[in-house]
Each structure stands twice: as structure tokens, then as C-alpha cells.
PDB file of N, CA and C in Angstrom:
ATOM      1  N   UNK A   1       0.447  -1.131  -0.060  1.00  0.00           N
ATOM      2  CA  UNK A   1       0.229  -0.143  -0.163  1.00  0.00           C
ATOM      3  C   UNK A   1       0.871   1.108   0.263  1.00  0.00           C
ATOM      4  N   UNK A   2       1.884   1.028   0.684  1.00  0.00           N
ATOM      5  CA  UNK A   2       2.722   2.227   1.101  1.00  0.00           C
ATOM      6  C   UNK A   2       3.682   2.775  -0.254  1.00  0.00           C
ATOM      7  N   UNK A   3       3.789   1.686  -1.225  1.00  0.00           N
ATOM      8  CA  UNK A   3       4.352   1.647  -2.513  1.00  0.00           C
ATOM      9  C   UNK A   3       3.634   2.647  -3.357  1.00  0.00           C
ATOM     10  N   UNK A   4       2.474   2.337  -3.466  1.00  0.00           N
ATOM     11  CA  UNK A   4       1.474   2.684  -4.223  1.00  0.00           C
ATOM     12  C   UNK A   4       1.056   4.386  -3.879  1.00  0.00           C
ATOM     13  N   UNK A   5       0.970   4.593  -2.772  1.00  0.00           N
ATOM     14  CA  UNK A   5       1.004   5.910  -1.954  1.00  0.00           C
ATOM     15  C   UNK A   5       2.086   6.742  -2.734  1.00  0.00           C
ATOM     16  N   UNK A   6       3.618   6.286  -2.422  1.00  0.00           N
ATOM     17  CA  UNK A   6       4.445   6.872  -2.815  1.00  0.00           C
ATOM     18  C   UNK A   6       4.514   7.131  -4.650  1.00  0.00           C
ATOM     19  N   UNK A   7       4.425   6.155  -4.903  1.00  0.00           N
ATOM     20  CA  UNK A   7       4.183   6.257  -6.454  1.00  0.00           C
ATOM     21  C   UNK A   7       3.014   7.373  -6.706  1.00  0.00           C
ATOM     22  N   UNK A   8       1.890   7.351  -6.035  1.00  0.00           N
ATOM     23  CA  UNK A   8       0.860   8.369  -6.808  1.00  0.00           C
ATOM     24  C   UNK A   8       1.228   9.827  -6.260  1.00  0.00           C
ATOM     25  N   UNK A   9       2.092   9.777  -5.331  1.00  0.00           N
ATOM     26  CA  UNK A   9       3.052  11.168  -4.281  1.00  0.00           C
ATOM     27  C   UNK A   9       3.802  11.689  -5.794  1.00  0.00           C
ATOM     28  N   UNK A  10       4.258  10.668  -6.324  1.00  0.00           N
ATOM     29  CA  UNK A  10       5.450  11.499  -7.355  1.00  0.00           C
ATOM     30  C   UNK A  10       5.040  11.843  -8.090  1.00  0.00           C
ATOM     31  N   UNK A  11       4.161  11.355  -8.785  1.00  0.00           N
ATOM     32  CA  UNK A  11       3.432  11.986 -10.072  1.00  0.00           C
ATOM     33  C   UNK A  11       2.127  12.815 -10.127  1.00  0.00           C
ATOM     34  N   UNK A  12       2.065  13.206  -8.529  1.00  0.00           N
ATOM     35  CA  UNK A  12       0.816  14.348  -8.382  1.00  0.00           C
ATOM     36  C   UNK A  12      -0.424  13.675  -8.183  1.00  0.00           C
ATOM     37  N   UNK A  13      -0.426  12.430  -8.156  1.00  0.00           N
ATOM     38  CA  UNK A  13      -1.693  11.820  -7.867  1.00  0.00           C
ATOM     39  C   UNK A  13      -2.593  11.991  -6.707  1.00  0.00           C
ATOM     40  N   UNK A  14      -1.972  12.691  -5.733  1.00  0.00           N
ATOM     41  CA  UNK A  14      -2.779  12.329  -4.292  1.00  0.00           C
ATOM     42  C   UNK A  14      -3.576  13.789  -4.052  1.00  0.00           C
ATOM     43  N   UNK A  15      -4.675  13.493  -3.061  1.00  0.00           N
ATOM     44  CA  UNK A  15      -5.273  14.654  -2.592  1.00  0.00           C
ATOM     45  C   UNK A  15      -4.154  15.528  -1.542  1.00  0.00           C
ATOM     46  N   UNK A  16      -4.545  17.074  -2.164  1.00  0.00           N
ATOM     47  CA  UNK A  16      -3.498  17.841  -0.932  1.00  0.00           C
ATOM     48  C   UNK A  16      -3.255  17.364   0.404  1.00  0.00           C
ATOM     49  N   UNK A  17      -4.195  16.783   0.938  1.00  0.00           N
ATOM     50  CA  UNK A  17      -3.889  16.608   2.384  1.00  0.00           C
ATOM     51  C   UNK A  17      -2.823  15.113   2.527  1.00  0.00           C
ATOM     52  N   UNK A  18      -3.095  14.258   1.579  1.00  0.00           N
ATOM     53  CA  UNK A  18      -2.381  13.104   1.980  1.00  0.00           C
ATOM     54  C   UNK A  18      -1.305  13.274   1.569  1.00  0.00           C
ATOM     55  N   UNK A  19      -0.914  14.366   0.245  1.00  0.00           N
ATOM     56  CA  UNK A  19       0.269  14.463  -0.284  1.00  0.00           C
ATOM     57  C   UNK A  19       1.139  15.285   0.964  1.00  0.00           C
ATOM     58  N   UNK A  20       0.370  16.201   1.685  1.00  0.00           N
ATOM     59  CA  UNK A  20       1.039  16.725   2.654  1.00  0.00           C
ATOM     60  C   UNK A  20       1.283  15.880   3.946  1.00  0.00           C
ATOM     61  N   UNK A  21       0.770  14.715   4.092  1.00  0.00           N
ATOM     62  CA  UNK A  21       1.035  13.553   5.054  1.00  0.00           C
ATOM     63  C   UNK A  21       2.338  13.044   4.492  1.00  0.00           C
ATOM     64  N   UNK A  22       2.494  12.590   2.849  1.00  0.00           N
ATOM     65  CA  UNK A  22       3.574  12.085   2.692  1.00  0.00           C
ATOM     66  C   UNK A  22       5.135  12.944   2.979  1.00  0.00           C
ATOM     67  N   UNK A  23       4.879  14.280   2.860  1.00  0.00           N
ATOM     68  CA  UNK A  23       5.880  15.255   2.999  1.00  0.00           C
ATOM     69  C   UNK A  23       5.961  14.849   4.184  1.00  0.00           C
ATOM     70  N   UNK A  24       5.475  15.180   5.309  1.00  0.00           N
ATOM     71  CA  UNK A  24       5.831  15.041   6.913  1.00  0.00           C
ATOM     72  C   UNK A  24       6.248  13.498   7.104  1.00  0.00           C
ATOM     73  N   UNK A  25       5.811  12.319   6.464  1.00  0.00           N
ATOM     74  CA  UNK A  25       6.730  11.177   6.814  1.00  0.00           C
ATOM     75  C   UNK A  25       8.172  10.910   6.197  1.00  0.00           C
ATOM     76  N   UNK A  26       8.257  11.817   5.308  1.00  0.00           N
ATOM     77  CA  UNK A  26       9.671  11.877   4.304  1.00  0.00           C
ATOM     78  C   UNK A  26      10.499  12.632   5.567  1.00  0.00           C
ATOM     79  N   UNK A  27       9.766  13.884   5.991  1.00  0.00           N
ATOM     80  CA  UNK A  27      10.847  14.752   6.565  1.00  0.00           C
ATOM     81  C   UNK A  27      11.079  13.769   8.419  1.00  0.00           C
ATOM     82  N   UNK A  28      10.094  13.122   8.314  1.00  0.00           N
ATOM     83  CA  UNK A  28      10.416  12.313   9.939  1.00  0.00           C
ATOM     84  C   UNK A  28      11.087  11.003   9.567  1.00  0.00           C
ATOM     85  N   UNK A  29      11.117  10.554   8.295  1.00  0.00           N
ATOM     86  CA  UNK A  29      12.223   9.369   7.940  1.00  0.00           C
ATOM     87  C   UNK A  29      11.147   8.085   7.678  1.00  0.00           C
ATOM     88  N   UNK A  30      10.345   8.256   8.109  1.00  0.00           N
ATOM     89  CA  UNK A  30       9.203   7.024   7.957  1.00  0.00           C
ATOM     90  C   UNK A  30       8.997   6.813   6.608  1.00  0.00           C
ATOM     91  N   UNK A  31       9.622   7.628   5.438  1.00  0.00           N
ATOM     92  CA  UNK A  31       9.899   7.095   4.248  1.00  0.00           C
ATOM     93  C   UNK A  31      11.230   7.483   3.707  1.00  0.00           C
ATOM     94  N   UNK A  32      11.704   6.582   3.424  1.00  0.00           N
ATOM     95  CA  UNK A  32      13.292   6.756   3.436  1.00  0.00           C
ATOM     96  C   UNK A  32      13.778   7.093   2.049  1.00  0.00           C
ATOM     97  N   UNK A  33      14.940   7.782   1.834  1.00  0.00           N
ATOM     98  CA  UNK A  33      15.189   8.054   0.532  1.00  0.00           C
ATOM     99  C   UNK A  33      15.457   6.971  -0.301  1.00  0.00           C
ATOM    100  N   UNK A  34      15.650   5.787  -0.106  1.00  0.00           N
ATOM    101  CA  UNK A  34      15.818   4.545  -0.599  1.00  0.00           C
ATOM    102  C   UNK A  34      14.389   3.820  -1.016  1.00  0.00           C
ATOM    103  N   UNK A  35      13.203   4.226  -0.447  1.00  0.00           N
ATOM    104  CA  UNK A  35      12.060   3.897  -0.586  1.00  0.00           C
ATOM    105  C   UNK A  35      11.416   4.663  -1.947  1.00  0.00           C
ATOM    106  N   UNK A  36      11.888   6.149  -1.873  1.00  0.00           N
ATOM    107  CA  UNK A  36      11.797   7.151  -2.692  1.00  0.00           C
ATOM    108  C   UNK A  36      12.574   6.484  -4.171  1.00  0.00           C
ATOM    109  N   UNK A  37      13.585   6.496  -3.766  1.00  0.00           N
ATOM    110  CA  UNK A  37      14.525   5.858  -5.014  1.00  0.00           C
ATOM    111  C   UNK A  37      13.898   4.580  -5.970  1.00  0.00           C
ATOM    112  N   UNK A  38      13.811   3.617  -5.113  1.00  0.00           N
ATOM    113  CA  UNK A  38      13.261   2.561  -5.397  1.00  0.00           C
ATOM    114  C   UNK A  38      11.746   2.958  -6.091  1.00  0.00           C
ATOM    115  N   UNK A  39      10.742   3.468  -5.562  1.00  0.00           N
ATOM    116  CA  UNK A  39       9.732   3.925  -6.026  1.00  0.00           C
ATOM    117  C   UNK A  39       9.537   4.576  -7.618  1.00  0.00           C
ATOM    118  N   UNK A  40      10.862   5.726  -7.424  1.00  0.00           N
ATOM    119  CA  UNK A  40      11.105   6.351  -8.769  1.00  0.00           C
ATOM    120  C   UNK A  40      11.530   5.345  -9.735  1.00  0.00           C
ATOM    121  N   UNK A  41      12.455   4.477  -9.487  1.00  0.00           N
ATOM    122  CA  UNK A  41      12.968   3.465 -10.292  1.00  0.00           C
ATOM    123  C   UNK A  41      11.844   2.812 -10.974  1.00  0.00           C
ATOM    124  N   UNK A  42      11.043   2.006 -10.196  1.00  0.00           N
ATOM    125  CA  UNK A  42       9.797   1.291 -10.748  1.00  0.00           C
ATOM    126  C   UNK A  42       8.992   2.111 -11.748  1.00  0.00           C
ATOM    127  N   UNK A  43       8.815   3.299 -11.277  1.00  0.00           N
ATOM    128  CA  UNK A  43       7.911   4.444 -11.725  1.00  0.00           C
ATOM    129  C   UNK A  43       8.481   4.332 -13.630  1.00  0.00           C
ATOM    130  N   UNK A  44       9.738   4.656 -13.543  1.00  0.00           N
ATOM    131  CA  UNK A  44      10.417   5.210 -14.617  1.00  0.00           C
ATOM    132  C   UNK A  44      10.325   3.926 -15.413  1.00  0.00           C
ATOM    133  N   UNK A  45      10.648   2.843 -15.011  1.00  0.00           N
ATOM    134  CA  UNK A  45      10.696   1.096 -16.141  1.00  0.00           C
ATOM    135  C   UNK A  45       9.267   1.560 -16.459  1.00  0.00           C
ATOM    136  N   UNK A  46       7.920   1.579 -15.809  1.00  0.00           N
ATOM    137  CA  UNK A  46       6.896   1.488 -16.144  1.00  0.00           C
ATOM    138  C   UNK A  46       6.571   2.289 -17.132  1.00  0.00           C
ATOM    139  N   UNK A  47       7.174   3.515 -17.202  1.00  0.00           N
ATOM    140  CA  UNK A  47       6.883   4.613 -18.180  1.00  0.00           C
ATOM    141  C   UNK A  47       7.322   3.806 -19.791  1.00  0.00           C
ATOM    142  N   UNK A  48       8.741   3.642 -19.499  1.00  0.00           N
ATOM    143  CA  UNK A  48       9.486   3.483 -20.401  1.00  0.00           C
ATOM    144  C   UNK A  48       8.828   1.918 -21.248  1.00  0.00           C
ATOM    145  N   UNK A  49       8.270   1.013 -20.329  1.00  0.00           N
ATOM    146  CA  UNK A  49       7.867  -0.010 -20.626  1.00  0.00           C
ATOM    147  C   UNK A  49       6.313   0.172 -21.159  1.00  0.00           C
ATOM    148  N   UNK A  50       5.883   1.506 -21.066  1.00  0.00           N
ATOM    149  CA  UNK A  50       4.659   1.527 -21.487  1.00  0.00           C
ATOM    150  C   UNK A  50       3.421   0.903 -20.860  1.00  0.00           C
ATOM    151  N   UNK A  51       3.666   0.869 -19.472  1.00  0.00           N
ATOM    152  CA  UNK A  51       2.896  -0.031 -18.549  1.00  0.00           C
ATOM    153  C   UNK A  51       2.032   1.389 -17.936  1.00  0.00           C
ATOM    154  N   UNK A  52       2.132   2.713 -18.019  1.00  0.00           N
ATOM    155  CA  UNK A  52       1.170   3.758 -17.065  1.00  0.00           C
ATOM    156  C   UNK A  52       0.241   3.836 -17.910  1.00  0.00           C
ATOM    157  N   UNK A  53      -1.106   3.732 -17.351  1.00  0.00           N
ATOM    158  CA  UNK A  53      -2.637   4.163 -18.002  1.00  0.00           C
ATOM    159  C   UNK A  53      -2.282   5.425 -18.552  1.00  0.00           C
ATOM    160  N   UNK A  54      -2.766   5.986 -19.552  1.00  0.00           N
ATOM    161  CA  UNK A  54      -2.413   7.332 -20.422  1.00  0.00           C
ATOM    162  C   UNK A  54      -2.622   8.619 -19.099  1.00  0.00           C
ATOM    163  N   UNK A  55      -3.542   8.457 -18.382  1.00  0.00           N
ATOM    164  CA  UNK A  55      -3.543   9.771 -17.450  1.00  0.00           C
ATOM    165  C   UNK A  55      -2.572   9.615 -16.457  1.00  0.00           C
ATOM    166  N   UNK A  56      -2.184   8.349 -15.675  1.00  0.00           N
ATOM    167  CA  UNK A  56      -0.942   8.745 -15.312  1.00  0.00           C
ATOM    168  C   UNK A  56       0.506   9.085 -15.790  1.00  0.00           C
ATOM    169  N   UNK A  57       0.231   8.470 -16.979  1.00  0.00           N
ATOM    170  CA  UNK A  57       1.785   8.975 -18.142  1.00  0.00           C
ATOM    171  C   UNK A  57       1.703  10.521 -17.843  1.00  0.00           C
ATOM    172  N   UNK A  58       0.060  11.078 -18.169  1.00  0.00           N
ATOM    173  CA  UNK A  58       0.353  12.930 -18.343  1.00  0.00           C
ATOM    174  C   UNK A  58       0.735  13.377 -17.281  1.00  0.00           C
ATOM    175  N   UNK A  59       0.492  12.725 -16.009  1.00  0.00           N
ATOM    176  CA  UNK A  59       0.595  13.353 -14.635  1.00  0.00           C
ATOM    177  C   UNK A  59       1.909  13.424 -14.582  1.00  0.00           C
ATOM    178  N   UNK A  60       2.722  12.101 -14.816  1.00  0.00           N
ATOM    179  CA  UNK A  60       4.462  11.919 -14.523  1.00  0.00           C
ATOM    180  C   UNK A  60       5.047  12.963 -15.373  1.00  0.00           C
ATOM    181  N   UNK A  61       4.418  13.285 -16.908  1.00  0.00           N
ATOM    182  CA  UNK A  61       5.145  14.241 -17.754  1.00  0.00           C
ATOM    183  C   UNK A  61       5.000  15.690 -16.873  1.00  0.00           C
ATOM    184  N   UNK A  62       3.837  15.941 -16.283  1.00  0.00           N
ATOM    185  CA  UNK A  62       3.782  17.277 -15.897  1.00  0.00           C
ATOM    186  C   UNK A  62       4.096  17.556 -14.477  1.00  0.00           C
ATOM    187  N   UNK A  63       4.321  16.159 -13.871  1.00  0.00           N
ATOM    188  CA  UNK A  63       4.526  16.866 -12.151  1.00  0.00           C
ATOM    189  C   UNK A  63       5.970  15.900 -12.207  1.00  0.00           C
ATOM    190  N   UNK A  64       6.228  15.086 -12.774  1.00  0.00           N
ATOM    191  CA  UNK A  64       7.450  14.304 -11.845  1.00  0.00           C
ATOM    192  C   UNK A  64       8.972  14.736 -12.693  1.00  0.00           C
ATOM    193  N   UNK A  65       8.749  14.749 -14.405  1.00  0.00           N
ATOM    194  CA  UNK A  65       9.982  14.832 -15.175  1.00  0.00           C
ATOM    195  C   UNK A  65      10.030  16.298 -15.058  1.00  0.00           C
ATOM    196  N   UNK A  66      10.530  17.393 -14.196  1.00  0.00           N
ATOM    197  CA  UNK A  66      10.803  18.904 -14.252  1.00  0.00           C
ATOM    198  C   UNK A  66      11.983  19.146 -14.067  1.00  0.00           C
ATOM    199  N   UNK A  67      13.042  18.485 -13.872  1.00  0.00           N
ATOM    200  CA  UNK A  67      14.176  18.876 -13.978  1.00  0.00           C
ATOM    201  C   UNK A  67      15.173  18.210 -14.971  1.00  0.00           C
ATOM    202  N   UNK A  68      16.221  19.076 -15.193  1.00  0.00           N
ATOM    203  CA  UNK A  68      16.824  17.945 -16.217  1.00  0.00           C
ATOM    204  C   UNK A  68      17.841  16.829 -15.825  1.00  0.00           C
ATOM    205  N   UNK A  69      17.771  16.694 -14.597  1.00  0.00           N
ATOM    206  CA  UNK A  69      18.532  15.478 -14.106  1.00  0.00           C
ATOM    207  C   UNK A  69      17.709  14.476 -14.374  1.00  0.00           C
ATOM    208  N   UNK A  70      16.536  14.433 -13.898  1.00  0.00           N
ATOM    209  CA  UNK A  70      15.435  13.589 -14.101  1.00  0.00           C
ATOM    210  C   UNK A  70      15.664  13.148 -15.363  1.00  0.00           C
ATOM    211  N   UNK A  71      15.078  13.889 -16.468  1.00  0.00           N
ATOM    212  CA  UNK A  71      14.787  13.828 -18.044  1.00  0.00           C
ATOM    213  C   UNK A  71      16.167  13.096 -18.444  1.00  0.00           C
ATOM    214  N   UNK A  72      17.348  13.520 -18.034  1.00  0.00           N
ATOM    215  CA  UNK A  72      18.583  12.790 -18.713  1.00  0.00           C
ATOM    216  C   UNK A  72      18.475  11.227 -18.033  1.00  0.00           C
ATOM    217  N   UNK A  73      18.080  11.107 -16.679  1.00  0.00           N
ATOM    218  CA  UNK A  73      17.808  10.027 -16.240  1.00  0.00           C
ATOM    219  C   UNK A  73      17.134   8.990 -17.180  1.00  0.00           C
ATOM    220  N   UNK A  74      15.773   9.530 -17.451  1.00  0.00           N
ATOM    221  CA  UNK A  74      14.827   8.950 -18.386  1.00  0.00           C
ATOM    222  C   UNK A  74      15.287   8.358 -19.586  1.00  0.00           C
ATOM    223  N   UNK A  75      16.013   9.379 -20.534  1.00  0.00           N
ATOM    224  CA  UNK A  75      16.466   8.961 -21.547  1.00  0.00           C
ATOM    225  C   UNK A  75      17.766   8.041 -21.504  1.00  0.00           C
ATOM    226  N   UNK A  76      18.482   8.127 -20.394  1.00  0.00           N
ATOM    227  CA  UNK A  76      19.650   7.157 -20.497  1.00  0.00           C
ATOM    228  C   UNK A  76      19.066   5.466 -20.260  1.00  0.00           C
ATOM    229  N   UNK A  77      18.212   5.980 -19.195  1.00  0.00           N
ATOM    230  CA  UNK A  77      16.923   4.379 -19.022  1.00  0.00           C
ATOM    231  C   UNK A  77      16.770   3.927 -20.479  1.00  0.00           C
ATOM    232  N   UNK A  78      16.031   4.801 -20.781  1.00  0.00           N
ATOM    233  CA  UNK A  78      15.344   4.240 -22.102  1.00  0.00           C
ATOM    234  C   UNK A  78      16.376   3.861 -23.000  1.00  0.00           C
ATOM    235  N   UNK A  79      17.500   4.559 -23.570  1.00  0.00           N
ATOM    236  CA  UNK A  79      18.169   3.899 -24.533  1.00  0.00           C
ATOM    237  C   UNK A  79      18.809   2.403 -24.112  1.00  0.00           C
ATOM    238  N   UNK A  80      19.193   2.117 -22.575  1.00  0.00           N
ATOM    239  CA  UNK A  80      19.819   1.166 -22.485  1.00  0.00           C
ATOM    240  C   UNK A  80      18.866  -0.045 -22.695  1.00  0.00           C
ATOM    241  N   UNK A  81      17.780   0.505 -22.080  1.00  0.00           N
ATOM    242  CA  UNK A  81      16.607  -0.753 -22.255  1.00  0.00           C
ATOM    243  C   UNK A  81      16.369  -1.062 -23.692  1.00  0.00           C
ATOM    244  N   UNK A  82      16.374  -0.096 -24.698  1.00  0.00           N
ATOM    245  CA  UNK A  82      16.304  -0.627 -26.245  1.00  0.00           C
ATOM    246  C   UNK A  82      17.387  -0.856 -26.354  1.00  0.00           C
ATOM    247  N   UNK A  83      18.972  -0.790 -26.153  1.00  0.00           N
ATOM    248  CA  UNK A  83      19.646  -1.451 -26.293  1.00  0.00           C
ATOM    249  C   UNK A  83      19.766  -2.904 -26.093  1.00  0.00           C
ATOM    250  N   UNK A  84      19.107  -3.269 -24.778  1.00  0.00           N
ATOM    251  CA  UNK A  84      19.298  -4.364 -24.484  1.00  0.00           C
ATOM    252  C   UNK A  84      17.964  -5.111 -25.242  1.00  0.00           C
ATOM    253  N   UNK A  85      17.039  -5.047 -25.449  1.00  0.00           N
ATOM    254  CA  UNK A  85      15.834  -5.093 -26.140  1.00  0.00           C
ATOM    255  C   UNK A  85      16.590  -5.851 -27.739  1.00  0.00           C
ATOM    256  N   UNK A  86      17.420  -4.979 -28.301  1.00  0.00           N
ATOM    257  CA  UNK A  86      18.079  -4.799 -29.374  1.00  0.00           C
ATOM    258  C   UNK A  86      18.995  -6.132 -29.584  1.00  0.00           C
ATOM    259  N   UNK A  87      19.544  -6.456 -28.401  1.00  0.00           N
ATOM    260  CA  UNK A  87      20.648  -7.428 -28.294  1.00  0.00           C
ATOM    261  C   UNK A  87      19.915  -8.630 -28.104  1.00  0.00           C
ATOM    262  N   UNK A  88      18.692  -8.967 -27.374  1.00  0.00           N
ATOM    263  CA  UNK A  88      18.220  -9.887 -27.514  1.00  0.00           C
ATOM    264  C   UNK A  88      17.771 -10.594 -28.541  1.00  0.00           C
ATOM    265  N   UNK A  89      17.006  -9.507 -29.541  1.00  0.00           N
ATOM    266  CA  UNK A  89      16.682  -9.648 -30.539  1.00  0.00           C
ATOM    267  C   UNK A  89      17.645 -10.439 -31.612  1.00  0.00           C
ATOM    268  N   UNK A  90      18.736  -9.676 -31.491  1.00  0.00           N
ATOM    269  CA  UNK A  90      19.653 -10.188 -32.355  1.00  0.00           C
ATOM    270  C   UNK A  90      20.162 -11.494 -32.036  1.00  0.00           C
ATOM    271  N   UNK A  91      20.455 -11.939 -30.749  1.00  0.00           N
ATOM    272  CA  UNK A  91      20.786 -13.094 -30.335  1.00  0.00           C
ATOM    273  C   UNK A  91      20.119 -13.910 -30.645  1.00  0.00           C
ATOM    274  N   UNK A  92      18.483 -13.858 -30.900  1.00  0.00           N
ATOM    275  CA  UNK A  92      17.499 -14.913 -31.020  1.00  0.00           C
ATOM    276  C   UNK A  92      17.530 -15.119 -32.223  1.00  0.00           C
ATOM    277  N   UNK A  93      17.985 -14.348 -33.258  1.00  0.00           N
ATOM    278  CA  UNK A  93      17.930 -14.385 -34.659  1.00  0.00           C
ATOM    279  C   UNK A  93      19.256 -15.281 -34.975  1.00  0.00           C
ATOM    280  N   UNK A  94      19.905 -14.924 -34.400  1.00  0.00           N
ATOM    281  CA  UNK A  94      21.415 -15.716 -34.731  1.00  0.00           C
ATOM    282  C   UNK A  94      21.561 -17.508 -33.880  1.00  0.00           C
TER     283      UNK A  94
END
């Protein structure tokens, strides 16, 4: 349940009161930096793999990818996954 709450927090899909609650949990250390990083990574994987519903993808674009570092991380992961996918295809064909 917490992972889903963090995920919704990251994409801006929580009511203001719940979002403030998550902010406090982060400040208190109840939600750790590692929790956030894991959820961010899973969210990024879902975006790249096309697993997010359109409305969540729009929220992700509008609320999560706001700075250049996140944009760069997204591009890098996308390219790495595409490279790995192509390698699997080429290996299967040979």
C-alpha cells in the first residue's frame, strides 16, 4: 500500500491532504530516501515499458520530469533498455 502511495505522490496523484502527509513522513524519516529511489526507479521502468495508463503518464510528464537530471535519467534508461532489447532480438535471430 505504501509503495502505491509513494508512486501516486511522485506523479502528483494524491489529494493535497495526503500529499502533505507523505511530505511529513519523508521529513520524519518514515519514508526513506531509498523508498523514494526504489519507487522512482519502478515508475521509470513502467513509463519506458509503456505500462502507465494515459492519465498517469500525463501526470508523470507534468509533475515528475521537471528537472534536467530526471530527464537525463529517463533518456539514459530508455536507451539502455532499447539497446538490451535489440541485443536480445539479434541473439535470438542468430
